[in-house]
Amino acid sequence: MLLLAIALMVLGSALSLANWYTLFAYLWNGRLSFVVPLFGAILLGSGMAMIPQTRPFRWLAVVADYGTLILIISLPRLAYAFWSTSIFNRITVFRTDDAGRRIEIRLFRRGIAIIQASFNPPLPNRAGGFAVGLSWMGTWTPVDGGYSVTGYASDRELLVSPQNGVFRTRELGYPVGKKETHDSLDGLTLHQA
């Protein structure tokens, strides 16, 4: 049992150190890496719980693992973001199918807007792969019986206006002369869902 506890503590410590390394690597050279939450803390804490002398200190495994610590600190913000964009806070949804693109614009309370597009068939991109969709988050405000969505892609603004029982879009600030226009939202006919 002691060997298993030591093995768990060594493995948990190694994972925790790897998570701390990602933070120092980012601070040192700006290289962003991903952390793995929970595993290091669970392994380290389990090993500490198996040894009577370290059992009272097993809660320190949470502090020892940067990934778990960051997750715990971020939980209130994650819960707030999840709640803000949940179905309970959704005000309206606009949808359209346009030339192989399915576009959905969802407006939420607190002025949050989410624009999602999926491509069928997938579109080739400059990196040599294929784009299957895109997603933007912005803010919306009511204007003249419709909506204005801003902040979703640099200086662009999307106006969604009612016309003859449907909604039409007009996009301002779209880059002039852009070759790939799959992300253009101008001239869409949207149906409110």
Protein backbone atom coordinates (compact mmCIF):
# COMPACT_ATOMS: atom_id res chain seq x y z
CA MET A 1 0.00 0.00 0.00
CA LEU A 2 2.87 2.35 0.79
CA LEU A 3 4.44 1.76 -2.65
CA LEU A 4 1.15 2.55 -4.37
CA ALA A 5 0.81 5.76 -2.32
CA ILE A 6 4.35 6.82 -3.20
CA ALA A 7 3.78 6.01 -6.88
CA LEU A 8 0.58 8.09 -6.92
CA MET A 9 2.33 10.98 -5.17
CA VAL A 10 5.27 10.88 -7.60
CA LEU A 11 3.01 10.76 -10.66
CA GLY A 12 0.72 13.47 -9.27
CA SER A 13 3.73 15.65 -8.43
CA ALA A 14 5.14 15.19 -11.94
CA LEU A 15 1.84 16.25 -13.53
CA SER A 16 1.57 19.20 -11.13
CA LEU A 17 5.12 20.31 -11.96
CA ALA A 18 4.36 20.03 -15.67
CA ASN A 19 1.36 22.32 -15.17
CA TRP A 20 3.47 24.86 -13.28
CA TYR A 21 6.07 24.65 -16.06
CA THR A 22 3.46 25.84 -18.58
CA LEU A 23 2.93 28.99 -16.50
CA PHE A 24 6.67 29.70 -16.24
CA ALA A 25 7.17 28.99 -19.95
CA TYR A 26 4.46 31.51 -20.75
CA LEU A 27 5.94 34.14 -18.44
CA TRP A 28 9.48 33.50 -19.69
CA ASN A 29 9.03 33.41 -23.46
CA GLY A 30 5.31 34.01 -24.10
CA ARG A 31 4.76 30.46 -25.33
CA LEU A 32 1.19 29.46 -24.53
CA SER A 33 0.62 25.84 -23.52
CA PHE A 34 -2.35 24.00 -22.16
CA VAL A 35 -2.63 22.76 -18.60
CA VAL A 36 -4.29 19.53 -17.52
CA PRO A 37 -6.52 20.17 -14.51
CA LEU A 38 -7.56 17.67 -11.84
CA PHE A 39 -5.31 14.68 -12.70
CA GLY A 40 -2.23 15.90 -10.85
CA ALA A 41 -4.24 16.98 -7.81
CA ILE A 42 -6.30 13.78 -7.70
CA LEU A 43 -3.26 11.52 -7.95
CA LEU A 44 -1.23 13.53 -5.46
CA GLY A 45 -4.13 13.88 -3.03
CA SER A 46 -4.99 10.17 -3.28
CA GLY A 47 -1.42 9.19 -2.52
CA MET A 48 -1.28 11.59 0.41
CA ALA A 49 -4.59 10.21 1.76
CA MET A 50 -3.14 6.68 1.86
CA ILE A 51 -0.34 7.61 4.27
CA PRO A 52 -1.48 8.50 7.81
CA GLN A 53 1.25 11.13 8.29
CA THR A 54 0.32 13.07 5.12
CA ARG A 55 -3.47 12.52 5.28
CA PRO A 56 -4.22 15.83 7.10
CA PHE A 57 -2.39 17.73 4.33
CA ARG A 58 -4.05 16.06 1.31
CA TRP A 59 -6.02 19.26 0.56
CA LEU A 60 -2.71 20.93 -0.37
CA ALA A 61 -2.73 18.85 -3.56
CA VAL A 62 -5.22 21.35 -4.97
CA VAL A 63 -2.79 24.23 -4.38
CA ALA A 64 0.18 22.19 -5.60
CA ASP A 65 -1.42 21.62 -9.01
CA TYR A 66 -1.59 24.81 -11.08
CA GLY A 67 -4.15 23.34 -13.51
CA THR A 68 -6.60 22.47 -10.75
CA LEU A 69 -6.01 25.75 -8.93
CA ILE A 70 -6.76 27.76 -12.08
CA LEU A 71 -9.87 25.66 -12.74
CA ILE A 72 -11.22 26.32 -9.25
CA ILE A 73 -10.49 30.05 -9.52
CA SER A 74 -12.17 30.15 -12.96
CA LEU A 75 -15.32 28.23 -11.99
CA PRO A 76 -17.41 31.29 -11.02
CA ARG A 77 -16.55 33.02 -14.30
CA LEU A 78 -17.24 29.85 -16.31
CA ALA A 79 -20.58 29.41 -14.55
CA TYR A 80 -21.47 33.06 -15.26
CA ALA A 81 -20.55 32.68 -18.96
CA PHE A 82 -22.52 29.44 -19.21
CA TRP A 83 -25.56 31.01 -17.57
CA SER A 84 -25.32 34.18 -19.69
CA THR A 85 -25.50 32.17 -22.91
CA SER A 86 -27.98 29.55 -21.73
CA ILE A 87 -31.43 29.02 -23.19
CA PHE A 88 -32.90 30.77 -20.13
CA ASN A 89 -31.25 34.06 -21.12
CA ARG A 90 -31.79 33.76 -24.87
CA ILE A 91 -33.98 36.46 -26.34
CA THR A 92 -34.19 35.42 -29.97
CA VAL A 93 -32.54 33.29 -32.66
CA PHE A 94 -32.17 34.05 -36.37
CA ARG A 95 -31.35 31.29 -38.87
CA THR A 96 -30.69 30.90 -42.55
CA ASP A 97 -29.26 28.46 -45.07
CA ASP A 98 -27.32 30.38 -47.67
CA ALA A 99 -25.15 28.86 -50.43
CA GLY A 100 -23.79 25.92 -48.41
CA ARG A 101 -23.68 27.90 -45.17
CA ARG A 102 -25.97 27.51 -42.19
CA ILE A 103 -25.85 30.71 -40.18
CA GLU A 104 -27.36 31.24 -36.74
CA ILE A 105 -27.40 34.49 -34.80
CA ARG A 106 -28.42 34.18 -31.14
CA LEU A 107 -29.12 37.22 -28.98
CA PHE A 108 -29.02 36.98 -25.19
CA ARG A 109 -29.74 39.26 -22.28
CA ARG A 110 -26.92 41.57 -21.17
CA GLY A 111 -26.29 42.43 -24.84
CA ILE A 112 -24.46 39.19 -25.71
CA ALA A 113 -24.57 38.02 -29.33
CA ILE A 114 -23.23 34.76 -30.74
CA ILE A 115 -22.88 34.22 -34.49
CA GLN A 116 -22.18 30.71 -35.76
CA ALA A 117 -21.76 29.46 -39.30
CA SER A 118 -21.23 25.92 -40.53
CA PHE A 119 -20.08 25.06 -44.05
CA ASN A 120 -21.32 22.08 -46.06
CA PRO A 121 -19.18 21.11 -47.87
CA PRO A 122 -16.17 22.27 -45.81
CA LEU A 123 -14.16 25.12 -47.34
CA PRO A 124 -10.42 24.88 -48.04
CA ASN A 125 -8.36 27.37 -46.05
CA ARG A 126 -4.89 28.90 -46.46
CA ALA A 127 -3.36 26.51 -43.90
CA GLY A 128 -4.06 23.56 -46.19
CA GLY A 129 -6.99 22.23 -44.14
CA PHE A 130 -10.71 22.67 -44.35
CA ALA A 131 -12.96 25.05 -42.45
CA VAL A 132 -16.15 23.43 -41.23
CA GLY A 133 -17.45 26.46 -39.37
CA LEU A 134 -16.79 29.63 -37.47
CA SER A 135 -18.07 31.23 -34.33
CA TRP A 136 -17.98 34.82 -33.13
CA MET A 137 -19.08 36.53 -29.96
CA GLY A 138 -20.10 40.18 -29.89
CA THR A 139 -22.56 42.60 -28.41
CA TRP A 140 -25.96 43.73 -29.67
CA THR A 141 -28.16 46.76 -29.21
CA PRO A 142 -31.69 47.47 -30.48
CA VAL A 143 -31.90 49.95 -33.41
CA ASP A 144 -34.90 51.05 -35.49
CA GLY A 145 -37.01 47.93 -34.87
CA GLY A 146 -34.02 45.68 -35.53
CA TYR A 147 -30.64 44.95 -34.03
CA SER A 148 -27.03 46.06 -34.39
CA VAL A 149 -24.31 43.50 -33.64
CA THR A 150 -20.77 44.78 -33.10
CA GLY A 151 -17.47 43.53 -31.69
CA TYR A 152 -17.61 40.16 -33.42
CA ALA A 153 -14.90 40.69 -36.04
CA SER A 154 -12.63 43.75 -35.75
CA ASP A 155 -14.48 46.84 -37.04
CA ARG A 156 -17.46 45.10 -38.60
CA GLU A 157 -21.07 45.84 -37.71
CA LEU A 158 -24.07 43.72 -38.63
CA LEU A 159 -27.49 45.35 -38.94
CA VAL A 160 -30.46 42.97 -38.72
CA SER A 161 -33.65 44.71 -39.89
CA PRO A 162 -37.23 43.44 -40.32
CA GLN A 163 -38.57 43.53 -43.90
CA ASN A 164 -41.80 41.90 -45.10
CA GLY A 165 -42.03 39.25 -42.37
CA VAL A 166 -38.34 38.24 -42.51
CA PHE A 167 -35.12 39.86 -41.37
CA ARG A 168 -32.41 41.10 -43.72
CA THR A 169 -28.77 41.77 -42.88
CA ARG A 170 -26.46 44.56 -43.90
CA GLU A 171 -22.81 44.37 -42.90
CA LEU A 172 -20.74 47.50 -42.48
CA GLY A 173 -16.96 47.55 -42.34
CA TYR A 174 -16.34 44.30 -44.23
CA PRO A 175 -12.76 44.33 -45.64
CA VAL A 176 -12.70 45.63 -49.21
CA GLY A 177 -11.07 43.37 -51.80
CA LYS A 178 -11.05 40.26 -49.62
CA LYS A 179 -10.75 37.11 -51.76
CA GLU A 180 -12.42 34.65 -49.41
CA THR A 181 -15.89 35.94 -48.58
CA HIS A 182 -17.26 32.88 -46.77
CA ASP A 183 -17.42 34.91 -43.56
CA SER A 184 -19.45 37.75 -45.07
CA LEU A 185 -22.86 38.22 -43.43
CA ASP A 186 -24.14 40.86 -45.85
CA GLY A 187 -27.43 40.38 -47.70
CA LEU A 188 -28.75 37.39 -45.73
CA THR A 189 -32.44 36.62 -45.35
CA LEU A 190 -33.00 35.43 -41.79
CA HIS A 191 -35.97 33.71 -40.25
CA GLN A 192 -36.70 34.16 -36.59
CA ALA A 193 -36.83 30.81 -34.78
